[in-house]
PDB file of N, CA and C in Angstrom:
ATOM      1  N   MET A   1      87.968 -21.785 132.808  1.00  0.00           N
ATOM      2  CA  MET A   1      89.001 -22.602 132.222  1.00  0.00           C
ATOM      3  C   MET A   1      88.389 -23.423 131.080  1.00  0.00           C
ATOM      4  N   PRO A   2      88.982 -23.416 129.885  1.00  0.00           N
ATOM      5  CA  PRO A   2      88.411 -24.173 128.750  1.00  0.00           C
ATOM      6  C   PRO A   2      88.574 -25.677 128.959  1.00  0.00           C
ATOM      7  N   ALA A   3      87.626 -26.430 128.425  1.00  0.00           N
ATOM      8  CA  ALA A   3      87.666 -27.894 128.520  1.00  0.00           C
ATOM      9  C   ALA A   3      88.804 -28.429 127.659  1.00  0.00           C
ATOM     10  N   SER A   4      89.439 -29.462 128.125  1.00  0.00           N
ATOM     11  CA  SER A   4      90.554 -30.087 127.396  1.00  0.00           C
ATOM     12  C   SER A   4      90.014 -30.837 126.176  1.00  0.00           C
ATOM     13  N   THR A   5      90.692 -30.668 125.053  1.00  0.00           N
ATOM     14  CA  THR A   5      90.272 -31.360 123.834  1.00  0.00           C
ATOM     15  C   THR A   5      91.210 -32.516 123.500  1.00  0.00           C
ATOM     16  N   ALA A   6      92.089 -32.857 124.418  1.00  0.00           N
ATOM     17  CA  ALA A   6      93.008 -33.972 124.176  1.00  0.00           C
ATOM     18  C   ALA A   6      92.224 -35.285 124.167  1.00  0.00           C
ATOM     19  N   PRO A   7      92.557 -36.162 123.240  1.00  0.00           N
ATOM     20  CA  PRO A   7      91.836 -37.444 123.192  1.00  0.00           C
ATOM     21  C   PRO A   7      92.144 -38.291 124.429  1.00  0.00           C
ATOM     22  N   MET A   8      91.156 -39.040 124.850  1.00  0.00           N
ATOM     23  CA  MET A   8      91.334 -39.928 125.994  1.00  0.00           C
ATOM     24  C   MET A   8      92.201 -41.119 125.563  1.00  0.00           C
ATOM     25  N   PRO A   9      93.139 -41.526 126.405  1.00  0.00           N
ATOM     26  CA  PRO A   9      93.958 -42.686 126.037  1.00  0.00           C
ATOM     27  C   PRO A   9      93.108 -43.957 126.030  1.00  0.00           C
ATOM     28  N   ARG A  10      93.434 -44.842 125.113  1.00  0.00           N
ATOM     29  CA  ARG A  10      92.709 -46.107 125.036  1.00  0.00           C
ATOM     30  C   ARG A  10      93.327 -47.101 126.019  1.00  0.00           C
ATOM     31  N   PRO A  11      92.514 -47.959 126.591  1.00  0.00           N
ATOM     32  CA  PRO A  11      93.069 -48.961 127.508  1.00  0.00           C
ATOM     33  C   PRO A  11      93.946 -49.949 126.735  1.00  0.00           C
ATOM     34  N   PRO A  12      94.938 -50.542 127.389  1.00  0.00           N
ATOM     35  CA  PRO A  12      95.816 -51.482 126.690  1.00  0.00           C
ATOM     36  C   PRO A  12      95.046 -52.731 126.266  1.00  0.00           C
ATOM     37  N   ARG A  13      95.464 -53.310 125.155  1.00  0.00           N
ATOM     38  CA  ARG A  13      94.859 -54.551 124.680  1.00  0.00           C
ATOM     39  C   ARG A  13      95.824 -55.690 124.965  1.00  0.00           C
ATOM     40  N   LEU A  14      95.354 -56.688 125.646  1.00  0.00           N
ATOM     41  CA  LEU A  14      96.181 -57.836 125.951  1.00  0.00           C
ATOM     42  C   LEU A  14      96.209 -58.789 124.760  1.00  0.00           C
ATOM     43  N   PRO A  15      97.339 -59.459 124.539  1.00  0.00           N
ATOM     44  CA  PRO A  15      97.403 -60.398 123.411  1.00  0.00           C
ATOM     45  C   PRO A  15      96.510 -61.603 123.665  1.00  0.00           C
ATOM     46  N   VAL A  16      96.037 -62.198 122.594  1.00  0.00           N
ATOM     47  CA  VAL A  16      95.223 -63.404 122.688  1.00  0.00           C
ATOM     48  C   VAL A  16      96.138 -64.596 122.450  1.00  0.00           C
ATOM     49  N   PHE A  17      96.171 -65.494 123.418  1.00  0.00           N
ATOM     50  CA  PHE A  17      97.009 -66.673 123.290  1.00  0.00           C
ATOM     51  C   PHE A  17      96.146 -67.869 122.927  1.00  0.00           C
ATOM     52  N   GLU A  18      96.659 -68.695 122.035  1.00  0.00           N
ATOM     53  CA  GLU A  18      95.950 -69.888 121.624  1.00  0.00           C
ATOM     54  C   GLU A  18      95.969 -70.900 122.758  1.00  0.00           C
ATOM     55  N   THR A  19      94.857 -71.580 122.986  1.00  0.00           N
ATOM     56  CA  THR A  19      94.766 -72.529 124.086  1.00  0.00           C
ATOM     57  C   THR A  19      95.273 -73.908 123.709  1.00  0.00           C
ATOM     58  N   GLY A  20      95.400 -74.193 122.432  1.00  0.00           N
ATOM     59  CA  GLY A  20      95.842 -75.518 122.006  1.00  0.00           C
ATOM     60  C   GLY A  20      94.694 -76.487 121.823  1.00  0.00           C
ATOM     61  N   ALA A  21      93.471 -76.049 122.113  1.00  0.00           N
ATOM     62  CA  ALA A  21      92.316 -76.930 121.959  1.00  0.00           C
ATOM     63  C   ALA A  21      92.164 -77.343 120.503  1.00  0.00           C
ATOM     64  N   GLY A  22      91.868 -78.596 120.294  1.00  0.00           N
ATOM     65  CA  GLY A  22      91.672 -79.106 118.943  1.00  0.00           C
ATOM     66  C   GLY A  22      92.951 -79.568 118.270  1.00  0.00           C
ATOM     67  N   ARG A  23      94.085 -79.408 118.919  1.00  0.00           N
ATOM     68  CA  ARG A  23      95.345 -79.878 118.348  1.00  0.00           C
ATOM     69  C   ARG A  23      95.571 -81.329 118.720  1.00  0.00           C
ATOM     70  N   PRO A  24      96.240 -82.082 117.851  1.00  0.00           N
ATOM     71  CA  PRO A  24      96.597 -83.442 118.234  1.00  0.00           C
ATOM     72  C   PRO A  24      97.612 -83.415 119.368  1.00  0.00           C
ATOM     73  N   SER A  25      97.520 -84.383 120.260  1.00  0.00           N
ATOM     74  CA  SER A  25      98.419 -84.441 121.406  1.00  0.00           C
ATOM     75  C   SER A  25      99.739 -85.100 121.021  1.00  0.00           C
ATOM     76  N   GLY A  26     100.799 -84.620 121.650  1.00  0.00           N
ATOM     77  CA  GLY A  26     102.116 -85.194 121.451  1.00  0.00           C
ATOM     78  C   GLY A  26     102.646 -85.742 122.760  1.00  0.00           C
ATOM     79  N   ASP A  27     103.716 -86.511 122.687  1.00  0.00           N
ATOM     80  CA  ASP A  27     104.349 -87.096 123.865  1.00  0.00           C
ATOM     81  C   ASP A  27     105.842 -86.792 123.774  1.00  0.00           C
ATOM     82  N   LEU A  28     106.346 -85.958 124.681  1.00  0.00           N
ATOM     83  CA  LEU A  28     107.752 -85.564 124.633  1.00  0.00           C
ATOM     84  C   LEU A  28     108.710 -86.731 124.841  1.00  0.00           C
ATOM     85  N   THR A  29     108.270 -87.793 125.497  1.00  0.00           N
ATOM     86  CA  THR A  29     109.157 -88.928 125.733  1.00  0.00           C
ATOM     87  C   THR A  29     109.180 -89.899 124.557  1.00  0.00           C
ATOM     88  N   ALA A  30     108.309 -89.706 123.567  1.00  0.00           N
ATOM     89  CA  ALA A  30     108.246 -90.607 122.421  1.00  0.00           C
ATOM     90  C   ALA A  30     108.729 -89.955 121.130  1.00  0.00           C
ATOM     91  N   LEU A  31     109.402 -88.803 121.229  1.00  0.00           N
ATOM     92  CA  LEU A  31     109.875 -88.126 120.027  1.00  0.00           C
ATOM     93  C   LEU A  31     111.109 -88.816 119.479  1.00  0.00           C
ATOM     94  N   ASP A  32     111.243 -88.800 118.164  1.00  0.00           N
ATOM     95  CA  ASP A  32     112.439 -89.336 117.527  1.00  0.00           C
ATOM     96  C   ASP A  32     113.596 -88.370 117.737  1.00  0.00           C
ATOM     97  N   LEU A  33     114.809 -88.901 117.895  1.00  0.00           N
ATOM     98  CA  LEU A  33     115.980 -88.028 117.941  1.00  0.00           C
ATOM     99  C   LEU A  33     116.098 -87.335 116.593  1.00  0.00           C
ATOM    100  N   ASP A  34     116.495 -86.100 116.595  1.00  0.00           N
ATOM    101  CA  ASP A  34     116.603 -85.288 115.374  1.00  0.00           C
ATOM    102  C   ASP A  34     115.258 -85.181 114.655  1.00  0.00           C
ATOM    103  N   GLY A  35     114.167 -85.282 115.409  1.00  0.00           N
ATOM    104  CA  GLY A  35     112.841 -85.260 114.799  1.00  0.00           C
ATOM    105  C   GLY A  35     112.230 -83.882 114.766  1.00  0.00           C
ATOM    106  N   ARG A  36     111.062 -83.827 114.156  1.00  0.00           N
ATOM    107  CA  ARG A  36     110.301 -82.591 114.060  1.00  0.00           C
ATOM    108  C   ARG A  36     108.927 -82.825 114.659  1.00  0.00           C
ATOM    109  N   SER A  37     108.400 -81.791 115.284  1.00  0.00           N
ATOM    110  CA  SER A  37     107.037 -81.815 115.802  1.00  0.00           C
ATOM    111  C   SER A  37     106.324 -80.597 115.241  1.00  0.00           C
ATOM    112  N   ASP A  38     105.235 -80.835 114.536  1.00  0.00           N
ATOM    113  CA  ASP A  38     104.497 -79.751 113.902  1.00  0.00           C
ATOM    114  C   ASP A  38     103.065 -79.713 114.409  1.00  0.00           C
ATOM    115  N   GLY A  39     102.673 -78.570 114.996  1.00  0.00           N
ATOM    116  CA  GLY A  39     101.284 -78.329 115.371  1.00  0.00           C
ATOM    117  C   GLY A  39     100.741 -79.249 116.448  1.00  0.00           C
ATOM    118  N   LEU A  40     101.580 -79.699 117.375  1.00  0.00           N
ATOM    119  CA  LEU A  40     101.120 -80.608 118.425  1.00  0.00           C
ATOM    120  C   LEU A  40     100.909 -79.871 119.742  1.00  0.00           C
ATOM    121  N   LEU A  41     100.090 -80.451 120.598  1.00  0.00           N
ATOM    122  CA  LEU A  41      99.863 -79.956 121.951  1.00  0.00           C
ATOM    123  C   LEU A  41     100.557 -80.910 122.920  1.00  0.00           C
ATOM    124  N   PHE A  42     101.488 -80.379 123.692  1.00  0.00           N
ATOM    125  CA  PHE A  42     102.149 -81.143 124.744  1.00  0.00           C
ATOM    126  C   PHE A  42     101.610 -80.605 126.058  1.00  0.00           C
ATOM    127  N   ASP A  43     100.804 -81.410 126.742  1.00  0.00           N
ATOM    128  CA  ASP A  43     100.134 -80.963 127.955  1.00  0.00           C
ATOM    129  C   ASP A  43     100.453 -81.912 129.101  1.00  0.00           C
ATOM    130  N   SER A  44     100.975 -81.351 130.189  1.00  0.00           N
ATOM    131  CA  SER A  44     101.285 -82.106 131.405  1.00  0.00           C
ATOM    132  C   SER A  44     102.282 -83.232 131.151  1.00  0.00           C
ATOM    133  N   ASP A  45     103.253 -83.006 130.275  1.00  0.00           N
ATOM    134  CA  ASP A  45     104.289 -83.998 129.989  1.00  0.00           C
ATOM    135  C   ASP A  45     105.467 -83.811 130.932  1.00  0.00           C
ATOM    136  N   ASP A  46     106.184 -84.882 131.182  1.00  0.00           N
ATOM    137  CA  ASP A  46     107.393 -84.849 131.990  1.00  0.00           C
ATOM    138  C   ASP A  46     108.530 -85.349 131.118  1.00  0.00           C
ATOM    139  N   ALA A  47     109.368 -84.438 130.660  1.00  0.00           N
ATOM    140  CA  ALA A  47     110.497 -84.786 129.794  1.00  0.00           C
ATOM    141  C   ALA A  47     111.815 -84.653 130.539  1.00  0.00           C
ATOM    142  N   ALA A  48     111.789 -84.868 131.848  1.00  0.00           N
ATOM    143  CA  ALA A  48     112.998 -84.755 132.659  1.00  0.00           C
ATOM    144  C   ALA A  48     114.059 -85.716 132.147  1.00  0.00           C
ATOM    145  N   GLY A  49     115.248 -85.172 131.860  1.00  0.00           N
ATOM    146  CA  GLY A  49     116.366 -85.982 131.416  1.00  0.00           C
ATOM    147  C   GLY A  49     116.309 -86.422 129.963  1.00  0.00           C
ATOM    148  N   GLU A  50     115.296 -86.030 129.214  1.00  0.00           N
ATOM    149  CA  GLU A  50     115.186 -86.428 127.804  1.00  0.00           C
ATOM    150  C   GLU A  50     116.172 -85.643 126.940  1.00  0.00           C
ATOM    151  N   ASP A  51     116.586 -86.231 125.834  1.00  0.00           N
ATOM    152  CA  ASP A  51     117.469 -85.574 124.874  1.00  0.00           C
ATOM    153  C   ASP A  51     116.610 -84.929 123.790  1.00  0.00           C
ATOM    154  N   LEU A  52     116.372 -83.635 123.907  1.00  0.00           N
ATOM    155  CA  LEU A  52     115.561 -82.884 122.943  1.00  0.00           C
ATOM    156  C   LEU A  52     116.407 -81.867 122.186  1.00  0.00           C
ATOM    157  N   GLU A  53     117.721 -82.036 122.236  1.00  0.00           N
ATOM    158  CA  GLU A  53     118.642 -81.035 121.704  1.00  0.00           C
ATOM    159  C   GLU A  53     118.426 -80.733 120.232  1.00  0.00           C
ATOM    160  N   ASP A  54     118.197 -81.729 119.410  1.00  0.00           N
ATOM    161  CA  ASP A  54     118.051 -81.498 117.971  1.00  0.00           C
ATOM    162  C   ASP A  54     116.606 -81.580 117.495  1.00  0.00           C
ATOM    163  N   THR A  55     115.654 -81.600 118.424  1.00  0.00           N
ATOM    164  CA  THR A  55     114.248 -81.648 118.060  1.00  0.00           C
ATOM    165  C   THR A  55     113.764 -80.251 117.697  1.00  0.00           C
ATOM    166  N   VAL A  56     112.967 -80.155 116.653  1.00  0.00           N
ATOM    167  CA  VAL A  56     112.435 -78.870 116.197  1.00  0.00           C
ATOM    168  C   VAL A  56     110.934 -78.858 116.453  1.00  0.00           C
ATOM    169  N   PHE A  57     110.475 -77.839 117.180  1.00  0.00           N
ATOM    170  CA  PHE A  57     109.057 -77.669 117.470  1.00  0.00           C
ATOM    171  C   PHE A  57     108.540 -76.509 116.626  1.00  0.00           C
ATOM    172  N   THR A  58     107.598 -76.783 115.728  1.00  0.00           N
ATOM    173  CA  THR A  58     107.015 -75.757 114.882  1.00  0.00           C
ATOM    174  C   THR A  58     105.528 -75.661 115.175  1.00  0.00           C
ATOM    175  N   ASP A  59     105.073 -74.471 115.557  1.00  0.00           N
ATOM    176  CA  ASP A  59     103.657 -74.215 115.817  1.00  0.00           C
ATOM    177  C   ASP A  59     103.089 -75.177 116.859  1.00  0.00           C
ATOM    178  N   CYS A  60     103.871 -75.486 117.887  1.00  0.00           N
ATOM    179  CA  CYS A  60     103.440 -76.389 118.961  1.00  0.00           C
ATOM    180  C   CYS A  60     103.059 -75.580 120.199  1.00  0.00           C
ATOM    181  N   THR A  61     102.230 -76.182 121.039  1.00  0.00           N
ATOM    182  CA  THR A  61     101.847 -75.587 122.309  1.00  0.00           C
ATOM    183  C   THR A  61     102.367 -76.487 123.419  1.00  0.00           C
ATOM    184  N   LEU A  62     103.177 -75.914 124.333  1.00  0.00           N
ATOM    185  CA  LEU A  62     103.678 -76.649 125.481  1.00  0.00           C
ATOM    186  C   LEU A  62     103.036 -76.042 126.724  1.00  0.00           C
ATOM    187  N   ARG A  63     102.252 -76.857 127.435  1.00  0.00           N
ATOM    188  CA  ARG A  63     101.522 -76.365 128.598  1.00  0.00           C
ATOM    189  C   ARG A  63     101.758 -77.321 129.766  1.00  0.00           C
ATOM    190  N   ARG A  64     102.192 -76.759 130.898  1.00  0.00           N
ATOM    191  CA  ARG A  64     102.480 -77.546 132.104  1.00  0.00           C
ATOM    192  C   ARG A  64     103.455 -78.674 131.792  1.00  0.00           C
ATOM    193  N   VAL A  65     104.568 -78.343 131.154  1.00  0.00           N
ATOM    194  CA  VAL A  65     105.577 -79.326 130.759  1.00  0.00           C
ATOM    195  C   VAL A  65     106.798 -79.172 131.648  1.00  0.00           C
ATOM    196  N   SER A  66     107.305 -80.292 132.156  1.00  0.00           N
ATOM    197  CA  SER A  66     108.521 -80.284 132.983  1.00  0.00           C
ATOM    198  C   SER A  66     109.705 -80.660 132.101  1.00  0.00           C
ATOM    199  N   LEU A  67     110.717 -79.783 132.071  1.00  0.00           N
ATOM    200  CA  LEU A  67     111.914 -80.027 131.267  1.00  0.00           C
ATOM    201  C   LEU A  67     113.157 -80.077 132.139  1.00  0.00           C
ATOM    202  N   MET A  68     112.984 -80.372 133.432  1.00  0.00           N
ATOM    203  CA  MET A  68     114.093 -80.399 134.374  1.00  0.00           C
ATOM    204  C   MET A  68     115.159 -81.409 133.915  1.00  0.00           C
ATOM    205  N   GLY A  69     116.365 -80.923 133.677  1.00  0.00           N
ATOM    206  CA  GLY A  69     117.472 -81.786 133.295  1.00  0.00           C
ATOM    207  C   GLY A  69     117.435 -82.255 131.848  1.00  0.00           C
ATOM    208  N   ALA A  70     116.478 -81.763 131.039  1.00  0.00           N
ATOM    209  CA  ALA A  70     116.405 -82.167 129.628  1.00  0.00           C
ATOM    210  C   ALA A  70     117.478 -81.427 128.831  1.00  0.00           C
ATOM    211  N   ASP A  71     118.054 -82.110 127.861  1.00  0.00           N
ATOM    212  CA  ASP A  71     119.014 -81.462 126.948  1.00  0.00           C
ATOM    213  C   ASP A  71     118.218 -80.719 125.884  1.00  0.00           C
ATOM    214  N   LEU A  72     118.368 -79.388 125.866  1.00  0.00           N
ATOM    215  CA  LEU A  72     117.630 -78.563 124.916  1.00  0.00           C
ATOM    216  C   LEU A  72     118.570 -77.920 123.936  1.00  0.00           C
TER     217      LEU A  72
END
């Protein structure tokens, strides 16, 4: 039987996620209404019940954030 010449499949590559290290920290409870947040790290924040409906997050990292009951 002849050897197979089909190429071997390559293993999948997992995406690289940014850790947020080196970013300035933000506070979800201190955001302005209708405000913007650019390039901030929100880590271990509790924004339960906060009004974030018109807030714009651009290039931000949210890690371990509680948004229970927040207006989004």
